PDB file of N, CA and C in Angstrom:
ATOM      1  N   MET A   1      54.255 116.653  84.926  1.00  0.00           N
ATOM      2  CA  MET A   1      53.943 116.422  86.319  1.00  0.00           C
ATOM      3  C   MET A   1      54.586 115.115  86.813  1.00  0.00           C
ATOM      4  N   VAL A   2      54.497 114.085  85.982  1.00  0.00           N
ATOM      5  CA  VAL A   2      55.068 112.789  86.363  1.00  0.00           C
ATOM      6  C   VAL A   2      56.587 112.884  86.477  1.00  0.00           C
ATOM      7  N   GLY A   3      57.211 113.625  85.553  1.00  0.00           N
ATOM      8  CA  GLY A   3      58.670 113.783  85.592  1.00  0.00           C
ATOM      9  C   GLY A   3      59.135 114.516  86.830  1.00  0.00           C
ATOM     10  N   THR A   4      58.425 115.551  87.192  1.00  0.00           N
ATOM     11  CA  THR A   4      58.774 116.316  88.391  1.00  0.00           C
ATOM     12  C   THR A   4      58.619 115.472  89.640  1.00  0.00           C
ATOM     13  N   THR A   5      57.534 114.719  89.705  1.00  0.00           N
ATOM     14  CA  THR A   5      57.297 113.852  90.861  1.00  0.00           C
ATOM     15  C   THR A   5      58.375 112.778  90.953  1.00  0.00           C
ATOM     16  N   GLY A   6      58.759 112.209  89.820  1.00  0.00           N
ATOM     17  CA  GLY A   6      59.820 111.188  89.805  1.00  0.00           C
ATOM     18  C   GLY A   6      61.156 111.752  90.235  1.00  0.00           C
ATOM     19  N   ALA A   7      61.478 112.968  89.793  1.00  0.00           N
ATOM     20  CA  ALA A   7      62.736 113.606  90.179  1.00  0.00           C
ATOM     21  C   ALA A   7      62.777 113.884  91.673  1.00  0.00           C
ATOM     22  N   ILE A   8      61.664 114.361  92.212  1.00  0.00           N
ATOM     23  CA  ILE A   8      61.601 114.632  93.653  1.00  0.00           C
ATOM     24  C   ILE A   8      61.718 113.335  94.444  1.00  0.00           C
ATOM     25  N   ALA A   9      61.033 112.287  93.987  1.00  0.00           N
ATOM     26  CA  ALA A   9      61.108 110.990  94.671  1.00  0.00           C
ATOM     27  C   ALA A   9      62.534 110.440  94.623  1.00  0.00           C
ATOM     28  N   ALA A  10      63.193 110.555  93.478  1.00  0.00           N
ATOM     29  CA  ALA A  10      64.574 110.081  93.359  1.00  0.00           C
ATOM     30  C   ALA A  10      65.495 110.864  94.295  1.00  0.00           C
ATOM     31  N   PHE A  11      65.312 112.156  94.373  1.00  0.00           N
ATOM     32  CA  PHE A  11      66.125 112.977  95.269  1.00  0.00           C
ATOM     33  C   PHE A  11      65.941 112.560  96.721  1.00  0.00           C
ATOM     34  N   ILE A  12      64.713 112.334  97.123  1.00  0.00           N
ATOM     35  CA  ILE A  12      64.420 111.941  98.504  1.00  0.00           C
ATOM     36  C   ILE A  12      65.002 110.564  98.814  1.00  0.00           C
ATOM     37  N   VAL A  13      64.934 109.645  97.863  1.00  0.00           N
ATOM     38  CA  VAL A  13      65.436 108.288  98.088  1.00  0.00           C
ATOM     39  C   VAL A  13      66.962 108.252  98.063  1.00  0.00           C
ATOM     40  N   LEU A  14      67.594 108.999  97.150  1.00  0.00           N
ATOM     41  CA  LEU A  14      69.046 108.902  96.972  1.00  0.00           C
ATOM     42  C   LEU A  14      69.846 109.808  97.903  1.00  0.00           C
ATOM     43  N   SER A  15      69.253 110.840  98.445  1.00  0.00           N
ATOM     44  CA  SER A  15      69.984 111.753  99.339  1.00  0.00           C
ATOM     45  C   SER A  15      70.607 111.053 100.549  1.00  0.00           C
ATOM     46  N   PRO A  16      69.903 110.131 101.223  1.00  0.00           N
ATOM     47  CA  PRO A  16      70.547 109.444 102.357  1.00  0.00           C
ATOM     48  C   PRO A  16      71.774 108.621 101.949  1.00  0.00           C
ATOM     49  N   PHE A  17      71.794 108.112 100.727  1.00  0.00           N
ATOM     50  CA  PHE A  17      72.963 107.352 100.279  1.00  0.00           C
ATOM     51  C   PHE A  17      74.188 108.255 100.160  1.00  0.00           C
ATOM     52  N   LYS A  18      74.010 109.461  99.642  1.00  0.00           N
ATOM     53  CA  LYS A  18      75.125 110.402  99.551  1.00  0.00           C
ATOM     54  C   LYS A  18      75.603 110.787 100.951  1.00  0.00           C
ATOM     55  N   TRP A  19      74.685 111.034 101.855  1.00  0.00           N
ATOM     56  CA  TRP A  19      75.047 111.384 103.230  1.00  0.00           C
ATOM     57  C   TRP A  19      75.847 110.250 103.877  1.00  0.00           C
ATOM     58  N   PHE A  20      75.374 109.005 103.694  1.00  0.00           N
ATOM     59  CA  PHE A  20      76.078 107.859 104.264  1.00  0.00           C
ATOM     60  C   PHE A  20      77.458 107.694 103.634  1.00  0.00           C
ATOM     61  N   ASP A  21      77.577 107.922 102.330  1.00  0.00           N
ATOM     62  CA  ASP A  21      78.861 107.799 101.643  1.00  0.00           C
ATOM     63  C   ASP A  21      79.873 108.804 102.176  1.00  0.00           C
ATOM     64  N   GLU A  22      79.435 109.973 102.544  1.00  0.00           N
ATOM     65  CA  GLU A  22      80.339 110.984 103.096  1.00  0.00           C
ATOM     66  C   GLU A  22      80.775 110.657 104.512  1.00  0.00           C
ATOM     67  N   LEU A  23      80.037 109.813 105.222  1.00  0.00           N
ATOM     68  CA  LEU A  23      80.391 109.447 106.596  1.00  0.00           C
ATOM     69  C   LEU A  23      81.494 108.395 106.667  1.00  0.00           C
ATOM     70  N   ILE A  24      81.527 107.478 105.706  1.00  0.00           N
ATOM     71  CA  ILE A  24      82.491 106.384 105.773  1.00  0.00           C
ATOM     72  C   ILE A  24      83.843 106.835 105.227  1.00  0.00           C
ATOM     73  N   PRO A  25      84.944 106.338 105.798  1.00  0.00           N
ATOM     74  CA  PRO A  25      86.272 106.736 105.324  1.00  0.00           C
ATOM     75  C   PRO A  25      86.570 106.119 103.952  1.00  0.00           C
ATOM     76  N   HIS A  26      87.348 106.822 103.176  1.00  0.00           N
ATOM     77  CA  HIS A  26      87.733 106.360 101.848  1.00  0.00           C
ATOM     78  C   HIS A  26      89.254 106.295 101.753  1.00  0.00           C
ATOM     79  N   GLN A  27      89.728 105.374 100.957  1.00  0.00           N
ATOM     80  CA  GLN A  27      91.159 105.276 100.689  1.00  0.00           C
ATOM     81  C   GLN A  27      91.322 105.017  99.202  1.00  0.00           C
ATOM     82  N   GLN A  28      92.059 105.872  98.546  1.00  0.00           N
ATOM     83  CA  GLN A  28      92.289 105.705  97.127  1.00  0.00           C
ATOM     84  C   GLN A  28      93.607 104.987  96.911  1.00  0.00           C
ATOM     85  N   LYS A  29      93.600 104.083  95.949  1.00  0.00           N
ATOM     86  CA  LYS A  29      94.807 103.332  95.631  1.00  0.00           C
ATOM     87  C   LYS A  29      95.096 103.465  94.147  1.00  0.00           C
ATOM     88  N   ALA A  30      96.372 103.457  93.822  1.00  0.00           N
ATOM     89  CA  ALA A  30      96.778 103.539  92.420  1.00  0.00           C
ATOM     90  C   ALA A  30      98.071 102.761  92.238  1.00  0.00           C
ATOM     91  N   HIS A  31      98.342 102.422  91.020  1.00  0.00           N
ATOM     92  CA  HIS A  31      99.592 101.735  90.681  1.00  0.00           C
ATOM     93  C   HIS A  31     100.339 102.651  89.725  1.00  0.00           C
ATOM     94  N   MET A  32     101.578 102.967  90.063  1.00  0.00           N
ATOM     95  CA  MET A  32     102.372 103.857  89.235  1.00  0.00           C
ATOM     96  C   MET A  32     103.736 103.219  89.011  1.00  0.00           C
ATOM     97  N   GLU A  33     104.199 103.282  87.785  1.00  0.00           N
ATOM     98  CA  GLU A  33     105.518 102.747  87.460  1.00  0.00           C
ATOM     99  C   GLU A  33     106.438 103.889  87.072  1.00  0.00           C
ATOM    100  N   ILE A  34     107.632 103.879  87.651  1.00  0.00           N
ATOM    101  CA  ILE A  34     108.647 104.876  87.315  1.00  0.00           C
ATOM    102  C   ILE A  34     109.879 104.121  86.845  1.00  0.00           C
ATOM    103  N   GLU A  35     110.300 104.411  85.641  1.00  0.00           N
ATOM    104  CA  GLU A  35     111.513 103.773  85.116  1.00  0.00           C
ATOM    105  C   GLU A  35     112.671 104.731  85.332  1.00  0.00           C
ATOM    106  N   LEU A  36     113.660 104.270  86.066  1.00  0.00           N
ATOM    107  CA  LEU A  36     114.818 105.096  86.383  1.00  0.00           C
ATOM    108  C   LEU A  36     115.907 104.853  85.337  1.00  0.00           C
ATOM    109  N   VAL A  37     116.394 105.920  84.757  1.00  0.00           N
ATOM    110  CA  VAL A  37     117.420 105.824  83.728  1.00  0.00           C
ATOM    111  C   VAL A  37     118.731 106.293  84.330  1.00  0.00           C
ATOM    112  N   GLY A  38     119.770 105.531  84.091  1.00  0.00           N
ATOM    113  CA  GLY A  38     121.080 105.901  84.609  1.00  0.00           C
ATOM    114  C   GLY A  38     121.246 105.466  86.055  1.00  0.00           C
ATOM    115  N   SER A  39     122.162 106.102  86.724  1.00  0.00           N
ATOM    116  CA  SER A  39     122.462 105.736  88.110  1.00  0.00           C
ATOM    117  C   SER A  39     121.732 106.687  89.063  1.00  0.00           C
ATOM    118  N   VAL A  40     120.530 106.321  89.402  1.00  0.00           N
ATOM    119  CA  VAL A  40     119.737 107.097  90.350  1.00  0.00           C
ATOM    120  C   VAL A  40     119.728 106.343  91.675  1.00  0.00           C
ATOM    121  N   GLU A  41     119.965 107.050  92.753  1.00  0.00           N
ATOM    122  CA  GLU A  41     119.985 106.404  94.054  1.00  0.00           C
ATOM    123  C   GLU A  41     118.554 106.178  94.542  1.00  0.00           C
ATOM    124  N   ILE A  42     118.277 104.938  94.938  1.00  0.00           N
ATOM    125  CA  ILE A  42     116.956 104.574  95.424  1.00  0.00           C
ATOM    126  C   ILE A  42     116.623 105.363  96.687  1.00  0.00           C
ATOM    127  N   ALA A  43     117.607 105.645  97.508  1.00  0.00           N
ATOM    128  CA  ALA A  43     117.372 106.392  98.754  1.00  0.00           C
ATOM    129  C   ALA A  43     116.816 107.786  98.459  1.00  0.00           C
ATOM    130  N   LYS A  44     117.251 108.413  97.370  1.00  0.00           N
ATOM    131  CA  LYS A  44     116.738 109.730  97.014  1.00  0.00           C
ATOM    132  C   LYS A  44     115.271 109.647  96.595  1.00  0.00           C
ATOM    133  N   ILE A  45     114.933 108.614  95.838  1.00  0.00           N
ATOM    134  CA  ILE A  45     113.554 108.419  95.418  1.00  0.00           C
ATOM    135  C   ILE A  45     112.679 108.148  96.642  1.00  0.00           C
ATOM    136  N   GLN A  46     113.174 107.324  97.553  1.00  0.00           N
ATOM    137  CA  GLN A  46     112.431 107.015  98.777  1.00  0.00           C
ATOM    138  C   GLN A  46     112.228 108.287  99.602  1.00  0.00           C
ATOM    139  N   ALA A  47     113.225 109.147  99.686  1.00  0.00           N
ATOM    140  CA  ALA A  47     113.115 110.391 100.450  1.00  0.00           C
ATOM    141  C   ALA A  47     112.072 111.326  99.849  1.00  0.00           C
ATOM    142  N   ILE A  48     111.890 111.266  98.546  1.00  0.00           N
ATOM    143  CA  ILE A  48     110.890 112.116  97.893  1.00  0.00           C
ATOM    144  C   ILE A  48     109.481 111.638  98.210  1.00  0.00           C
ATOM    145  N   PHE A  49     109.265 110.317  98.163  1.00  0.00           N
ATOM    146  CA  PHE A  49     107.916 109.777  98.288  1.00  0.00           C
ATOM    147  C   PHE A  49     107.452 109.534  99.719  1.00  0.00           C
ATOM    148  N   GLU A  50     108.348 109.342 100.662  1.00  0.00           N
ATOM    149  CA  GLU A  50     107.943 109.040 102.039  1.00  0.00           C
ATOM    150  C   GLU A  50     107.106 110.129 102.697  1.00  0.00           C
ATOM    151  N   PRO A  51     107.442 111.416 102.553  1.00  0.00           N
ATOM    152  CA  PRO A  51     106.596 112.441 103.186  1.00  0.00           C
ATOM    153  C   PRO A  51     105.168 112.464 102.629  1.00  0.00           C
ATOM    154  N   LEU A  52     104.979 111.920 101.443  1.00  0.00           N
ATOM    155  CA  LEU A  52     103.657 111.886 100.823  1.00  0.00           C
ATOM    156  C   LEU A  52     102.859 110.671 101.256  1.00  0.00           C
ATOM    157  N   ASP A  53     103.427 109.832 102.126  1.00  0.00           N
ATOM    158  CA  ASP A  53     102.779 108.634 102.662  1.00  0.00           C
ATOM    159  C   ASP A  53     102.490 107.592 101.581  1.00  0.00           C
ATOM    160  N   TYR A  54     103.428 107.436 100.640  1.00  0.00           N
ATOM    161  CA  TYR A  54     103.309 106.410  99.609  1.00  0.00           C
ATOM    162  C   TYR A  54     104.062 105.156 100.041  1.00  0.00           C
ATOM    163  N   THR A  55     103.560 104.008  99.651  1.00  0.00           N
ATOM    164  CA  THR A  55     104.306 102.766  99.800  1.00  0.00           C
ATOM    165  C   THR A  55     104.638 102.270  98.402  1.00  0.00           C
ATOM    166  N   PHE A  56     105.789 101.644  98.256  1.00  0.00           N
ATOM    167  CA  PHE A  56     106.192 101.231  96.922  1.00  0.00           C
ATOM    168  C   PHE A  56     107.187 100.087  96.983  1.00  0.00           C
ATOM    169  N   LEU A  57     107.392  99.471  95.841  1.00  0.00           N
ATOM    170  CA  LEU A  57     108.367  98.404  95.673  1.00  0.00           C
ATOM    171  C   LEU A  57     109.406  98.853  94.666  1.00  0.00           C
ATOM    172  N   VAL A  58     110.624  98.355  94.827  1.00  0.00           N
ATOM    173  CA  VAL A  58     111.669  98.597  93.842  1.00  0.00           C
ATOM    174  C   VAL A  58     111.826  97.305  93.051  1.00  0.00           C
ATOM    175  N   ILE A  59     111.694  97.412  91.755  1.00  0.00           N
ATOM    176  CA  ILE A  59     111.788  96.241  90.889  1.00  0.00           C
ATOM    177  C   ILE A  59     113.025  96.402  90.011  1.00  0.00           C
ATOM    178  N   GLU A  60     113.917  95.419  90.081  1.00  0.00           N
ATOM    179  CA  GLU A  60     115.140  95.455  89.299  1.00  0.00           C
ATOM    180  C   GLU A  60     115.212  94.230  88.400  1.00  0.00           C
ATOM    181  N   LYS A  61     115.104  94.417  87.131  1.00  0.00           N
ATOM    182  CA  LYS A  61     115.291  93.356  86.140  1.00  0.00           C
ATOM    183  C   LYS A  61     114.669  92.031  86.561  1.00  0.00           C
ATOM    184  N   GLY A  62     113.387  92.067  86.864  1.00  0.00           N
ATOM    185  CA  GLY A  62     112.676  90.853  87.204  1.00  0.00           C
ATOM    186  C   GLY A  62     112.685  90.487  88.681  1.00  0.00           C
ATOM    187  N   LYS A  63     113.418  91.212  89.508  1.00  0.00           N
ATOM    188  CA  LYS A  63     113.447  90.926  90.938  1.00  0.00           C
ATOM    189  C   LYS A  63     112.539  91.925  91.654  1.00  0.00           C
ATOM    190  N   VAL A  64     111.783  91.448  92.606  1.00  0.00           N
ATOM    191  CA  VAL A  64     110.941  92.343  93.406  1.00  0.00           C
ATOM    192  C   VAL A  64     111.524  92.388  94.805  1.00  0.00           C
ATOM    193  N   ARG A  65     111.808  93.613  95.262  1.00  0.00           N
ATOM    194  CA  ARG A  65     112.421  93.796  96.569  1.00  0.00           C
ATOM    195  C   ARG A  65     111.661  94.881  97.318  1.00  0.00           C
ATOM    196  N   PRO A  66     110.963  94.552  98.426  1.00  0.00           N
ATOM    197  CA  PRO A  66     110.239  95.591  99.163  1.00  0.00           C
ATOM    198  C   PRO A  66     111.212  96.578  99.804  1.00  0.00           C
ATOM    199  N   MET A  67     110.801  97.826  99.849  1.00  0.00           N
ATOM    200  CA  MET A  67     111.632  98.858 100.475  1.00  0.00           C
ATOM    201  C   MET A  67     111.623  98.653 101.987  1.00  0.00           C
ATOM    202  N   PRO A  68     112.776  98.783 102.609  1.00  0.00           N
ATOM    203  CA  PRO A  68     112.827  98.654 104.072  1.00  0.00           C
ATOM    204  C   PRO A  68     112.117  99.827 104.718  1.00  0.00           C
ATOM    205  N   PRO A  69     111.521  99.608 105.898  1.00  0.00           N
ATOM    206  CA  PRO A  69     110.843 100.716 106.590  1.00  0.00           C
ATOM    207  C   PRO A  69     111.850 101.784 106.987  1.00  0.00           C
ATOM    208  N   SER A  70     111.432 103.021 106.901  1.00  0.00           N
ATOM    209  CA  SER A  70     112.328 104.118 107.262  1.00  0.00           C
ATOM    210  C   SER A  70     112.433 104.230 108.776  1.00  0.00           C
ATOM    211  N   THR A  71     113.539 104.754 109.235  1.00  0.00           N
ATOM    212  CA  THR A  71     113.737 104.930 110.676  1.00  0.00           C
ATOM    213  C   THR A  71     113.712 106.379 111.043  1.00  0.00           C
TER     214      THR A  71
END
């Protein structure tokens, strides 16, 4: 009886938190590294990822260079 009452109380208390969590916007972030072998054109890689709404940096042998905005 006590377990059932506790489960019901937990459900009643925690349900509004789930509802509120679904109302607020979420944004997922990740860090991904791609090592390019050979002579791969950066413009081709940028063309692949831009429609997916990704932002990224190109790193060359210790140099960090932000990608220019597409036109």
